Amino acid sequence: MDYNKIRKTCRPIRIVLGLVLITIGFITGNYWFYLGVLPLAAGLANFCPLCIISKKCDLPQDSESK
């Protein structure tokens, strides 16, 4: 499995999802949608807390770094 492809596809999805949620919150006035800041920040920082828990998005470690 190519882990680089997973990370390359996850990042733009998180950014778009965050922007969509923030936009919905702005339009509807429902403050819960402002939680879209979380996936937006995760996408911009290229960091996902769920990847730490699930270990699905982790890049394989090199044998030199052990």
C-alpha atoms as a PDB file:
ATOM      1  CA  MET A   1       0.000   0.000   0.000  1.00  0.00           C
ATOM      2  CA  ASP A   2       1.380   3.399  -0.948  1.00  0.00           C
ATOM      3  CA  TYR A   3       1.018   5.602   2.117  1.00  0.00           C
ATOM      4  CA  ASN A   4       2.065   8.737   0.239  1.00  0.00           C
ATOM      5  CA  LYS A   5      -1.080   8.516  -1.883  1.00  0.00           C
ATOM      6  CA  ILE A   6      -3.252   8.360   1.225  1.00  0.00           C
ATOM      7  CA  ARG A   7      -1.680  11.478   2.684  1.00  0.00           C
ATOM      8  CA  LYS A   8      -1.839  13.332  -0.642  1.00  0.00           C
ATOM      9  CA  THR A   9      -5.571  12.674  -0.957  1.00  0.00           C
ATOM     10  CA  CYS A  10      -6.452  13.276   2.707  1.00  0.00           C
ATOM     11  CA  ARG A  11      -4.989  16.776   2.903  1.00  0.00           C
ATOM     12  CA  PRO A  12      -7.127  18.480   0.218  1.00  0.00           C
ATOM     13  CA  ILE A  13     -10.224  16.639   1.452  1.00  0.00           C
ATOM     14  CA  ARG A  14      -9.702  18.010   4.962  1.00  0.00           C
ATOM     15  CA  ILE A  15      -9.147  21.543   3.679  1.00  0.00           C
ATOM     16  CA  VAL A  16     -12.259  21.498   1.488  1.00  0.00           C
ATOM     17  CA  LEU A  17     -14.352  19.881   4.232  1.00  0.00           C
ATOM     18  CA  GLY A  18     -13.252  22.515   6.733  1.00  0.00           C
ATOM     19  CA  LEU A  19     -14.048  25.369   4.366  1.00  0.00           C
ATOM     20  CA  VAL A  20     -17.459  23.886   3.518  1.00  0.00           C
ATOM     21  CA  LEU A  21     -18.377  23.487   7.192  1.00  0.00           C
ATOM     22  CA  ILE A  22     -17.297  27.030   8.029  1.00  0.00           C
ATOM     23  CA  THR A  23     -19.286  28.382   5.060  1.00  0.00           C
ATOM     24  CA  ILE A  24     -22.400  26.459   6.122  1.00  0.00           C
ATOM     25  CA  GLY A  25     -21.999  27.823   9.637  1.00  0.00           C
ATOM     26  CA  PHE A  26     -21.665  31.357   8.335  1.00  0.00           C
ATOM     27  CA  ILE A  27     -24.727  31.050   6.094  1.00  0.00           C
ATOM     28  CA  THR A  28     -27.011  29.301   8.595  1.00  0.00           C
ATOM     29  CA  GLY A  29     -25.760  31.045  11.715  1.00  0.00           C
ATOM     30  CA  ASN A  30     -25.310  27.692  13.459  1.00  0.00           C
ATOM     31  CA  TYR A  31     -22.124  27.915  15.498  1.00  0.00           C
ATOM     32  CA  TRP A  32     -21.542  24.146  15.536  1.00  0.00           C
ATOM     33  CA  PHE A  33     -20.404  24.291  11.920  1.00  0.00           C
ATOM     34  CA  TYR A  34     -17.493  26.504  12.959  1.00  0.00           C
ATOM     35  CA  LEU A  35     -15.879  23.290  14.177  1.00  0.00           C
ATOM     36  CA  GLY A  36     -14.804  23.066  10.533  1.00  0.00           C
ATOM     37  CA  VAL A  37     -11.747  24.943  11.754  1.00  0.00           C
ATOM     38  CA  LEU A  38     -10.422  21.611  13.084  1.00  0.00           C
ATOM     39  CA  PRO A  39     -10.214  19.727   9.751  1.00  0.00           C
ATOM     40  CA  LEU A  40      -9.066  22.940   8.049  1.00  0.00           C
ATOM     41  CA  ALA A  41      -6.191  23.349  10.499  1.00  0.00           C
ATOM     42  CA  ALA A  42      -5.332  19.645  10.226  1.00  0.00           C
ATOM     43  CA  GLY A  43      -5.228  19.905   6.441  1.00  0.00           C
ATOM     44  CA  LEU A  44      -3.138  23.057   6.409  1.00  0.00           C
ATOM     45  CA  ALA A  45      -0.676  21.648   8.954  1.00  0.00           C
ATOM     46  CA  ASN A  46      -0.648  18.230   7.200  1.00  0.00           C
ATOM     47  CA  PHE A  47      -1.322  16.629  10.576  1.00  0.00           C
ATOM     48  CA  CYS A  48      -4.205  14.379  11.504  1.00  0.00           C
ATOM     49  CA  PRO A  49      -4.901  13.258  15.063  1.00  0.00           C
ATOM     50  CA  LEU A  50      -7.048  10.387  13.763  1.00  0.00           C
ATOM     51  CA  CYS A  51      -4.072   9.041  11.847  1.00  0.00           C
ATOM     52  CA  ILE A  52      -2.168   8.730  15.116  1.00  0.00           C
ATOM     53  CA  ILE A  53      -4.986   6.702  16.653  1.00  0.00           C
ATOM     54  CA  SER A  54      -5.796   4.519  13.634  1.00  0.00           C
ATOM     55  CA  LYS A  55      -2.212   4.176  12.310  1.00  0.00           C
ATOM     56  CA  LYS A  56      -3.612   4.095   8.751  1.00  0.00           C
ATOM     57  CA  CYS A  57      -2.003   7.259   7.442  1.00  0.00           C
ATOM     58  CA  ASP A  58       1.406   6.824   9.058  1.00  0.00           C
ATOM     59  CA  LEU A  59       4.313   6.774   6.699  1.00  0.00           C
ATOM     60  CA  PRO A  60       6.500   3.685   6.970  1.00  0.00           C
ATOM     61  CA  GLN A  61       9.629   4.327   9.002  1.00  0.00           C
ATOM     62  CA  ASP A  62      13.023   3.879   7.429  1.00  0.00           C
ATOM     63  CA  SER A  63      15.310   1.211   8.804  1.00  0.00           C
ATOM     64  CA  GLU A  64      17.974   3.906   9.336  1.00  0.00           C
ATOM     65  CA  SER A  65      15.836   5.878  11.816  1.00  0.00           C
ATOM     66  CA  LYS A  66      15.479   2.912  14.209  1.00  0.00           C
END
